[in-house]
Amino acid sequence: MAPDAKSELRSDDSTRAAAPVSSRMLAVGDGHELYVETNGNADGLPAVYLHGGPGSGCQPDQRRLFDPQRFQAVLFDQRGAGRSRPKGGREANTLPHLIADMELVRTTLGIERWLVVGGSWGATLALAYAQAHPDRVSGIVLRATFLGTRAELEGAFLSSLPRFYPELSADFLGVLPEAERAAPLDAYWRRILDPDPAVHGPAARAWGETEAIMSQIGPKRHRLEINAKASDRPMPSTPFMEAHYFAHDCFMRPDQLMQGAHALAGIPGIIVQGRYDLLCPPATAHRLIAVWPDAELRIVDAAGHLLYDPGIREAVIAAINDVAGKITT
């Protein structure tokens, strides 16, 4: 779903995050190169952080989720995202490709097993990877669980949005021609992927702004800036990758992650969940925890979707350390 909050949303200066120990561009095939960085202790417990979106890229402050004395933390930008090349590339960009990329990153770095951490879309990728390669996963920490289903997207944009932000919902639908409003999600994804800037520009901005407002526990505004749709503001990149993935059901079978949850047996996990997350509501995490007995659900009250909502970041750091304590090497 929505990308992780940018580091600048923090009240302190995110540039104080330590520089990576190493960084490289890793060729993964199909013309794609991934930006990959390692952080912390080269002899520490291996961990990998999976950013959200899809399409956002990792942020410097996310290094600080991991104790640099305890962890060897790997951060990378997924295909088409962040510093990976080609930027925005959607060819040969599917969930199976991302899972294969993770395996190539792991083997290239000489890691046998790692703790997998991800939020929102990063949680989707974390679960899909763990189900495909459970023997390579020492533990899992999720935030804002998203199972990559059409039902979740409809619940967020067609149910929660009009219930909690009726005026924003009207703006969101108003960007579409009246004839396309009966199936707004498909209409948005089709428009965002249209090559004509006059078509994809307004749709991408409206999608991104709506998603951003729904992500925040206390957004500064509740309406779309309709008159700014064709302004000179930079075009957001994440809506294009999201439309690519969502229009293809995230390249998964129906309810794939729930049906494959048996593969998580024996893997310790903690799910951190904001009580008022409109994009990835607690019901999804509860559904997953019911079939994953080795995991624990931790609800953070007065918080929504974002990593930097009150209490969420601290809960994720605690969860990473607590799961690490259950890992036997």
Protein backbone atom coordinates (compact mmCIF):
# COMPACT_ATOMS: atom_id res chain seq x y z
CA MET A 1 0.00 0.00 0.00
CA ALA A 2 1.30 3.45 0.83
CA PRO A 3 5.07 3.81 0.90
CA ASP A 4 6.92 4.16 4.17
CA ALA A 5 6.96 7.74 5.44
CA LYS A 6 9.86 9.75 4.17
CA SER A 7 12.55 10.30 6.76
CA GLU A 8 11.90 14.04 6.75
CA LEU A 9 8.58 13.40 8.49
CA ARG A 10 10.59 12.74 11.64
CA SER A 11 11.05 15.61 14.06
CA ASP A 12 14.82 15.11 14.20
CA ASP A 13 17.41 15.29 11.44
CA SER A 14 17.40 11.99 9.57
CA THR A 15 20.74 12.82 7.97
CA ARG A 16 22.33 11.79 11.28
CA ALA A 17 21.67 8.16 10.33
CA ALA A 18 25.03 6.44 9.92
CA ALA A 19 26.30 5.99 6.39
CA PRO A 20 26.09 2.43 5.06
CA VAL A 21 29.10 0.18 5.61
CA SER A 22 28.92 -0.76 1.93
CA SER A 23 26.74 -0.03 -1.07
CA ARG A 24 26.64 -1.39 -4.59
CA MET A 25 24.58 -1.78 -7.72
CA LEU A 26 23.70 -5.45 -8.19
CA ALA A 27 22.67 -6.75 -11.62
CA VAL A 28 19.71 -9.11 -11.21
CA GLY A 29 18.88 -9.78 -14.86
CA ASP A 30 16.24 -8.51 -17.28
CA GLY A 31 18.14 -5.21 -17.52
CA HIS A 32 17.55 -4.38 -13.82
CA GLU A 33 20.18 -3.28 -11.31
CA LEU A 34 19.35 -2.98 -7.60
CA TYR A 35 20.80 -0.53 -5.13
CA VAL A 36 21.94 -2.63 -2.15
CA GLU A 37 23.54 -1.43 1.08
CA THR A 38 24.79 -3.13 4.24
CA ASN A 39 24.88 -1.54 7.67
CA GLY A 40 26.09 -2.29 11.16
CA ASN A 41 28.20 -5.25 12.28
CA ALA A 42 29.47 -7.55 9.53
CA ASP A 43 29.46 -10.37 12.08
CA GLY A 44 26.05 -9.51 13.48
CA LEU A 45 22.70 -11.19 13.03
CA PRO A 46 21.70 -10.77 9.36
CA ALA A 47 18.49 -8.83 8.72
CA VAL A 48 16.87 -7.39 5.62
CA TYR A 49 14.49 -4.43 5.44
CA LEU A 50 11.79 -4.37 2.74
CA HIS A 51 10.41 -0.97 1.83
CA GLY A 52 6.81 -0.23 1.01
CA GLY A 53 4.92 0.96 -2.01
CA PRO A 54 5.57 -0.97 -4.15
CA GLY A 55 7.93 1.53 -5.68
CA SER A 56 9.06 3.83 -2.87
CA GLY A 57 12.64 2.81 -2.04
CA CYS A 58 14.43 2.57 1.30
CA GLN A 59 15.23 5.64 3.43
CA PRO A 60 18.36 6.48 5.47
CA ASP A 61 16.52 6.56 8.79
CA GLN A 62 15.40 2.96 8.33
CA ARG A 63 19.00 1.91 9.06
CA ARG A 64 18.40 3.09 12.61
CA LEU A 65 15.74 0.46 13.19
CA PHE A 66 18.63 -1.98 13.66
CA ASP A 67 21.16 -1.88 16.53
CA PRO A 68 24.46 -1.49 14.63
CA GLN A 69 26.30 -3.62 17.19
CA ARG A 70 23.80 -6.46 17.03
CA PHE A 71 22.76 -6.63 13.36
CA GLN A 72 24.15 -6.83 9.87
CA ALA A 73 21.28 -4.96 8.24
CA VAL A 74 20.67 -5.08 4.48
CA LEU A 75 18.55 -2.42 2.79
CA PHE A 76 17.84 -2.43 -0.92
CA ASP A 77 15.61 -0.67 -3.44
CA GLN A 78 13.31 -3.07 -5.26
CA ARG A 79 13.09 -3.21 -9.05
CA GLY A 80 12.20 0.16 -10.52
CA ALA A 81 12.28 1.88 -7.10
CA GLY A 82 14.57 4.42 -5.43
CA ARG A 83 18.11 4.27 -6.74
CA SER A 84 17.63 1.00 -8.63
CA ARG A 85 17.77 1.11 -12.41
CA PRO A 86 15.93 1.60 -14.65
CA LYS A 87 14.00 3.98 -12.44
CA GLY A 88 10.31 3.18 -12.64
CA GLY A 89 10.99 0.14 -14.83
CA ARG A 90 7.97 -2.15 -14.91
CA GLU A 91 9.16 -4.68 -17.46
CA ALA A 92 10.08 -7.99 -15.81
CA ASN A 93 8.86 -6.54 -12.53
CA THR A 94 6.59 -8.98 -10.68
CA LEU A 95 6.41 -10.47 -7.20
CA PRO A 96 8.27 -13.64 -8.27
CA HIS A 97 11.02 -11.40 -9.68
CA LEU A 98 11.33 -9.58 -6.34
CA ILE A 99 11.52 -12.86 -4.44
CA ALA A 100 14.25 -14.10 -6.77
CA ASP A 101 16.08 -10.77 -6.32
CA MET A 102 16.07 -11.23 -2.56
CA GLU A 103 17.66 -14.64 -2.96
CA LEU A 104 20.35 -13.18 -5.22
CA VAL A 105 21.05 -10.40 -2.70
CA ARG A 106 21.27 -12.97 0.10
CA THR A 107 23.63 -15.33 -1.71
CA THR A 108 25.77 -12.48 -3.06
CA LEU A 109 26.32 -11.24 0.50
CA GLY A 110 27.05 -14.75 1.75
CA ILE A 111 24.11 -14.80 4.17
CA GLU A 112 22.62 -18.18 5.09
CA ARG A 113 19.47 -17.00 6.92
CA TRP A 114 18.16 -13.57 7.78
CA LEU A 115 15.53 -11.77 9.82
CA VAL A 116 13.00 -10.29 7.38
CA VAL A 117 11.41 -6.93 8.28
CA GLY A 118 8.80 -5.12 6.21
CA GLY A 119 5.82 -2.82 6.43
CA SER A 120 2.74 -2.42 4.22
CA TRP A 121 3.86 -3.65 0.77
CA GLY A 122 7.10 -4.65 2.47
CA ALA A 123 5.01 -6.96 4.65
CA THR A 124 3.47 -8.49 1.52
CA LEU A 125 6.90 -9.19 0.06
CA ALA A 126 8.18 -10.46 3.43
CA LEU A 127 5.38 -13.02 3.69
CA ALA A 128 5.66 -14.09 0.04
CA TYR A 129 9.43 -14.55 0.38
CA ALA A 130 9.12 -16.44 3.67
CA GLN A 131 6.55 -18.80 2.19
CA ALA A 132 8.77 -19.44 -0.84
CA HIS A 133 12.00 -19.83 1.17
CA PRO A 134 11.12 -20.62 4.81
CA ASP A 135 14.49 -22.26 5.38
CA ARG A 136 16.20 -18.92 4.67
CA VAL A 137 14.14 -16.92 7.18
CA SER A 138 15.21 -16.81 10.83
CA GLY A 139 12.38 -14.53 11.93
CA ILE A 140 9.83 -12.00 10.66
CA VAL A 141 8.74 -8.54 11.83
CA LEU A 142 5.78 -6.97 10.03
CA ARG A 143 4.17 -3.56 10.29
CA ALA A 144 0.79 -2.71 8.74
CA THR A 145 0.10 -6.12 7.26
CA PHE A 146 -1.07 -6.08 3.64
CA LEU A 147 -1.85 -9.42 1.99
CA GLY A 148 -1.97 -7.99 -1.53
CA THR A 149 -5.64 -8.75 -2.21
CA ARG A 150 -8.26 -6.91 -4.19
CA ALA A 151 -10.57 -7.09 -1.17
CA GLU A 152 -8.12 -5.06 0.93
CA LEU A 153 -7.84 -2.36 -1.73
CA GLU A 154 -11.60 -2.14 -2.11
CA GLY A 155 -11.96 -2.02 1.66
CA ALA A 156 -9.56 0.92 1.88
CA PHE A 157 -10.63 3.04 -1.09
CA LEU A 158 -14.28 2.09 -1.52
CA SER A 159 -15.31 1.52 2.12
CA SER A 160 -12.99 3.25 4.61
CA LEU A 161 -12.38 6.31 2.43
CA PRO A 162 -16.05 7.37 2.09
CA ARG A 163 -16.77 6.42 5.71
CA PHE A 164 -13.97 8.47 7.27
CA TYR A 165 -13.30 11.11 4.59
CA PRO A 166 -16.51 11.59 2.60
CA GLU A 167 -15.38 14.86 1.02
CA LEU A 168 -12.03 13.36 0.04
CA SER A 169 -13.88 10.38 -1.41
CA ALA A 170 -15.97 12.75 -3.52
CA ASP A 171 -12.79 14.44 -4.75
CA PHE A 172 -11.21 11.06 -5.49
CA LEU A 173 -14.17 9.95 -7.60
CA GLY A 174 -14.52 13.39 -9.16
CA VAL A 175 -11.18 13.07 -10.91
CA LEU A 176 -12.74 10.30 -13.04
CA PRO A 177 -15.28 10.78 -15.80
CA GLU A 178 -18.74 9.87 -14.52
CA ALA A 179 -18.89 6.80 -16.75
CA GLU A 180 -15.81 5.32 -15.03
CA ARG A 181 -16.90 5.83 -11.42
CA ALA A 182 -18.73 2.51 -11.15
CA ALA A 183 -15.35 0.71 -11.08
CA PRO A 184 -13.01 3.42 -9.79
CA LEU A 185 -10.01 1.31 -8.86
CA ASP A 186 -9.71 -0.24 -12.30
CA ALA A 187 -10.28 3.17 -13.86
CA TYR A 188 -7.50 4.72 -11.78
CA TRP A 189 -5.00 1.97 -12.55
CA ARG A 190 -5.84 2.10 -16.26
CA ARG A 191 -5.40 5.86 -16.33
CA ILE A 192 -2.19 5.87 -14.29
CA LEU A 193 -0.66 3.36 -16.72
CA ASP A 194 -1.80 5.31 -19.80
CA PRO A 195 1.23 6.77 -21.66
CA ASP A 196 -0.48 10.13 -22.20
CA PRO A 197 0.59 12.61 -19.46
CA ALA A 198 -2.76 14.36 -19.77
CA VAL A 199 -4.39 11.10 -18.69
CA HIS A 200 -1.92 9.65 -16.18
CA GLY A 201 -0.88 12.93 -14.55
CA PRO A 202 -4.15 13.85 -12.78
CA ALA A 203 -4.85 10.23 -11.87
CA ALA A 204 -1.38 9.59 -10.40
CA ARG A 205 -1.47 12.79 -8.35
CA ALA A 206 -4.97 12.11 -7.06
CA TRP A 207 -4.15 8.51 -6.15
CA GLY A 208 -0.94 9.48 -4.39
CA GLU A 209 -2.51 12.36 -2.46
CA THR A 210 -5.51 10.30 -1.39
CA GLU A 211 -3.29 7.49 -0.21
CA ALA A 212 -1.05 9.92 1.68
CA ILE A 213 -3.98 11.51 3.52
CA MET A 214 -5.38 8.11 4.47
CA SER A 215 -1.96 7.06 5.73
CA GLN A 216 -1.73 9.80 8.34
CA ILE A 217 -3.28 9.73 11.78
CA GLY A 218 -3.69 13.53 11.70
CA PRO A 219 -3.43 14.81 8.12
CA LYS A 220 -3.05 18.57 7.66
CA ARG A 221 -5.67 18.58 4.91
CA HIS A 222 -8.63 16.41 4.03
CA ARG A 223 -9.28 17.37 0.40
CA LEU A 224 -7.47 16.96 -2.89
CA GLU A 225 -5.94 20.06 -4.39
CA ILE A 226 -7.97 19.73 -7.58
CA ASN A 227 -6.65 22.93 -9.12
CA ALA A 228 -3.07 21.79 -8.65
CA LYS A 229 -3.39 18.56 -10.63
CA ALA A 230 -1.70 19.99 -13.71
CA SER A 231 0.79 22.14 -11.77
CA ASP A 232 4.54 22.00 -11.96
CA ARG A 233 4.83 19.88 -8.83
CA PRO A 234 6.98 16.76 -9.31
CA MET A 235 5.07 13.74 -10.48
CA PRO A 236 4.92 11.05 -7.76
CA SER A 237 6.57 7.79 -8.78
CA THR A 238 4.94 5.25 -6.47
CA PRO A 239 1.41 5.36 -7.98
CA PHE A 240 2.76 4.01 -11.27
CA MET A 241 4.34 0.96 -9.65
CA GLU A 242 1.29 0.45 -7.44
CA ALA A 243 -1.02 0.56 -10.45
CA HIS A 244 1.20 -1.97 -12.22
CA TYR A 245 1.07 -4.37 -9.30
CA PHE A 246 -2.53 -3.82 -8.21
CA ALA A 247 -3.88 -4.17 -11.75
CA HIS A 248 -2.27 -7.63 -11.80
CA ASP A 249 -3.47 -8.71 -8.33
CA CYS A 250 0.11 -8.25 -7.10
CA PHE A 251 1.03 -11.21 -9.31
CA MET A 252 -0.42 -13.66 -6.80
CA ARG A 253 -3.11 -16.29 -6.77
CA PRO A 254 -6.32 -15.38 -4.92
CA ASP A 255 -5.61 -15.21 -1.17
CA GLN A 256 -2.18 -16.74 -1.80
CA LEU A 257 -0.55 -15.51 1.40
CA MET A 258 -3.27 -16.87 3.68
CA GLN A 259 -3.41 -20.19 1.86
CA GLY A 260 0.35 -20.53 2.13
CA ALA A 261 0.62 -19.43 5.76
CA HIS A 262 1.32 -23.00 6.90
CA ALA A 263 4.85 -22.50 5.53
CA LEU A 264 5.47 -19.98 8.34
CA ALA A 265 5.25 -22.67 11.02
CA GLY A 266 8.29 -22.57 13.27
CA ILE A 267 9.33 -19.05 12.21
CA PRO A 268 9.11 -16.58 15.14
CA GLY A 269 7.36 -13.34 14.28
CA ILE A 270 5.87 -10.14 15.65
CA ILE A 271 3.27 -8.01 13.87
CA VAL A 272 3.11 -4.32 14.80
CA GLN A 273 -0.26 -2.80 13.96
CA GLY A 274 -1.64 0.73 14.28
CA ARG A 275 -5.14 0.70 15.75
CA TYR A 276 -6.46 3.29 13.27
CA ASP A 277 -4.74 2.19 10.08
CA LEU A 278 -7.27 2.84 7.31
CA LEU A 279 -5.16 1.24 4.57
CA CYS A 280 -4.09 -1.93 6.39
CA PRO A 281 -6.59 -2.32 9.25
CA PRO A 282 -6.09 -4.55 12.32
CA ALA A 283 -8.54 -7.15 10.99
CA THR A 284 -5.96 -8.26 8.43
CA ALA A 285 -3.28 -8.79 11.06
CA HIS A 286 -5.76 -10.68 13.26
CA ARG A 287 -6.62 -12.93 10.32
CA LEU A 288 -2.97 -13.75 9.74
CA ILE A 289 -2.11 -14.30 13.40
CA ALA A 290 -4.90 -16.88 13.66
CA VAL A 291 -3.03 -19.20 11.28
CA TRP A 292 0.53 -18.35 12.37
CA PRO A 293 0.88 -19.64 15.96
CA ASP A 294 4.55 -18.67 16.22
CA ALA A 295 3.74 -14.96 15.83
CA GLU A 296 2.56 -12.28 18.25
CA LEU A 297 0.37 -9.27 17.46
CA ARG A 298 1.19 -5.93 19.09
CA ILE A 299 -1.41 -3.19 18.66
CA VAL A 300 -0.27 0.43 18.95
CA ASP A 301 -3.13 2.70 19.99
CA ALA A 302 -3.41 6.29 18.69
CA ALA A 303 -1.49 5.26 15.58
CA GLY A 304 -2.37 4.70 11.96
CA HIS A 305 -0.43 3.42 8.98
CA LEU A 306 2.90 5.20 8.98
CA LEU A 307 6.17 4.04 10.49
CA TYR A 308 6.47 7.45 12.17
CA ASP A 309 3.04 7.54 13.77
CA PRO A 310 3.20 7.79 17.58
CA GLY A 311 4.68 4.63 19.05
CA ILE A 312 5.03 2.67 15.81
CA ARG A 313 8.75 3.15 15.19
CA GLU A 314 9.57 2.32 18.80
CA ALA A 315 7.37 -0.78 18.63
CA VAL A 316 9.08 -1.95 15.43
CA ILE A 317 12.53 -1.53 17.00
CA ALA A 318 11.40 -3.47 20.07
CA ALA A 319 9.89 -6.18 17.86
CA ILE A 320 13.11 -6.54 15.86
CA ASN A 321 15.12 -6.96 19.05
CA ASP A 322 12.59 -9.33 20.61
CA VAL A 323 12.41 -11.60 17.57
CA ALA A 324 16.21 -11.55 17.36
CA GLY A 325 16.28 -12.86 20.91
CA LYS A 326 14.27 -15.92 19.81
CA ILE A 327 16.59 -16.77 16.92
CA THR A 328 19.01 -19.64 17.43
CA THR A 329 22.11 -19.55 15.30
